[in-house]
Amino acid sequence: MAVQRKLGRPTDQRRAMLRSLVTGFLKHGKIETTEARAKETRRIAEKMITLAKAGDLHSRRQVLAFVTEESVVTDLFENIAPKYAERNGGYTRMYKVGPRRGDAAEVVILELV
């Protein structure tokens, strides 16, 4: 299993934050966050899209176990996944925006290709 970034949070808080980021990302198709969070979000979101491409009930239940909104899962299976049917991974793109004013953390925009 790949090493996961801890993002300075306990396991339960980190998992909740990533679930929220992935749900928001799939809902809006774009999200602005720090580079470390974006990299973790990208890993999970790409797995969700790959599961949605399978399109079966088991995949839907696996995605529902992670994504917090049922409407986002429906949109993922009906609209997002079919667009990437011919593509083998690489569903996301990251743009660096620059350092954040408060703490100089590198901010990026993560979006669907």
Protein backbone atom coordinates (compact mmCIF):
# COMPACT_ATOMS: atom_id res chain seq x y z
CA MET A 1 0.00 0.00 0.00
CA ALA A 2 1.20 3.50 -0.81
CA VAL A 3 2.34 5.82 1.94
CA GLN A 4 -0.29 8.40 2.81
CA ARG A 5 0.47 11.99 3.81
CA LYS A 6 -0.61 12.72 7.38
CA LEU A 7 -1.41 16.39 6.75
CA GLY A 8 -0.91 17.23 10.43
CA ARG A 9 -4.16 15.68 11.58
CA PRO A 10 -5.33 12.62 13.51
CA THR A 11 -6.64 9.76 11.37
CA ASP A 12 -10.35 10.45 11.84
CA GLN A 13 -10.02 14.17 11.09
CA ARG A 14 -7.79 13.51 8.08
CA ARG A 15 -10.25 10.99 6.67
CA ALA A 16 -13.18 13.38 7.18
CA MET A 17 -11.26 16.23 5.53
CA LEU A 18 -10.33 14.09 2.51
CA ARG A 19 -13.90 12.82 2.13
CA SER A 20 -15.09 16.42 2.11
CA LEU A 21 -12.41 17.53 -0.37
CA VAL A 22 -13.10 14.64 -2.76
CA THR A 23 -16.87 15.20 -2.57
CA GLY A 24 -16.46 18.92 -3.26
CA PHE A 25 -14.01 18.24 -6.06
CA LEU A 26 -16.30 15.78 -7.84
CA LYS A 27 -19.31 18.07 -7.27
CA HIS A 28 -17.74 21.21 -8.73
CA GLY A 29 -15.03 19.73 -10.98
CA LYS A 30 -12.49 22.12 -9.50
CA ILE A 31 -11.06 22.92 -6.08
CA GLU A 32 -8.45 25.31 -4.68
CA THR A 33 -6.37 24.01 -1.79
CA THR A 34 -2.79 23.46 -0.63
CA GLU A 35 -0.46 21.33 -2.71
CA ALA A 36 -0.20 18.47 -0.21
CA ARG A 37 -3.97 18.24 0.22
CA ALA A 38 -4.49 18.42 -3.54
CA LYS A 39 -2.09 15.53 -4.14
CA GLU A 40 -3.94 13.33 -1.66
CA THR A 41 -7.32 14.42 -3.02
CA ARG A 42 -6.16 13.61 -6.56
CA ARG A 43 -5.11 10.07 -5.55
CA ILE A 44 -8.52 9.30 -4.08
CA ALA A 45 -10.59 11.10 -6.73
CA GLU A 46 -8.88 9.20 -9.54
CA LYS A 47 -9.66 5.93 -7.77
CA MET A 48 -13.31 6.98 -7.48
CA ILE A 49 -13.49 7.79 -11.20
CA THR A 50 -11.86 4.46 -12.07
CA LEU A 51 -14.42 2.65 -9.90
CA ALA A 52 -17.24 4.61 -11.57
CA LYS A 53 -15.99 3.55 -14.99
CA ALA A 54 -16.76 -0.07 -14.05
CA GLY A 55 -20.36 1.05 -13.49
CA ASP A 56 -21.56 -1.98 -11.51
CA LEU A 57 -23.40 -2.06 -8.19
CA HIS A 58 -20.34 -3.09 -6.19
CA SER A 59 -18.36 -0.11 -7.50
CA ARG A 60 -21.24 2.24 -6.73
CA ARG A 61 -21.37 0.99 -3.14
CA GLN A 62 -17.59 1.38 -2.76
CA VAL A 63 -17.82 4.99 -3.95
CA LEU A 64 -20.85 5.66 -1.72
CA ALA A 65 -18.82 4.45 1.26
CA PHE A 66 -16.38 7.33 0.72
CA VAL A 67 -18.23 10.16 -1.04
CA THR A 68 -20.64 11.91 1.32
CA GLU A 69 -23.37 13.05 -1.11
CA GLU A 70 -25.51 10.61 -3.07
CA SER A 71 -26.21 13.19 -5.79
CA VAL A 72 -22.46 13.50 -6.43
CA VAL A 73 -22.18 9.72 -6.83
CA THR A 74 -25.06 9.72 -9.32
CA ASP A 75 -23.42 12.53 -11.30
CA LEU A 76 -20.08 10.68 -11.17
CA PHE A 77 -21.55 7.48 -12.60
CA GLU A 78 -23.84 9.11 -15.18
CA ASN A 79 -21.81 12.10 -16.42
CA ILE A 80 -18.18 12.17 -15.29
CA ALA A 81 -17.07 8.53 -15.72
CA PRO A 82 -18.41 8.09 -19.30
CA LYS A 83 -16.29 11.08 -20.43
CA TYR A 84 -13.17 9.18 -19.38
CA ALA A 85 -14.13 5.78 -20.83
CA GLU A 86 -11.25 5.86 -23.34
CA ARG A 87 -8.73 7.31 -20.87
CA ASN A 88 -6.53 5.16 -18.62
CA GLY A 89 -5.91 7.39 -15.61
CA GLY A 90 -4.75 11.00 -15.49
CA TYR A 91 -8.21 12.47 -15.02
CA THR A 92 -6.99 15.53 -13.09
CA ARG A 93 -4.73 18.54 -13.62
CA MET A 94 -3.00 20.76 -11.06
CA TYR A 95 -2.07 24.43 -11.54
CA LYS A 96 0.17 26.19 -9.06
CA VAL A 97 -1.31 29.51 -7.96
CA GLY A 98 1.46 30.65 -5.62
CA PRO A 99 2.01 30.99 -1.89
CA ARG A 100 -0.91 31.72 0.42
CA ARG A 101 -0.68 35.10 2.11
CA GLY A 102 -1.12 33.96 5.72
CA ASP A 103 1.34 31.09 6.00
CA ALA A 104 3.06 30.95 2.59
CA ALA A 105 1.69 27.46 1.89
CA GLU A 106 1.79 26.58 -1.83
CA VAL A 107 -1.76 26.84 -3.20
CA VAL A 108 -2.90 24.92 -6.28
CA ILE A 109 -6.06 24.54 -8.34
CA LEU A 110 -7.04 20.92 -8.89
CA GLU A 111 -9.45 20.35 -11.78
CA LEU A 112 -10.84 17.59 -13.96
CA VAL A 113 -9.19 17.34 -17.38
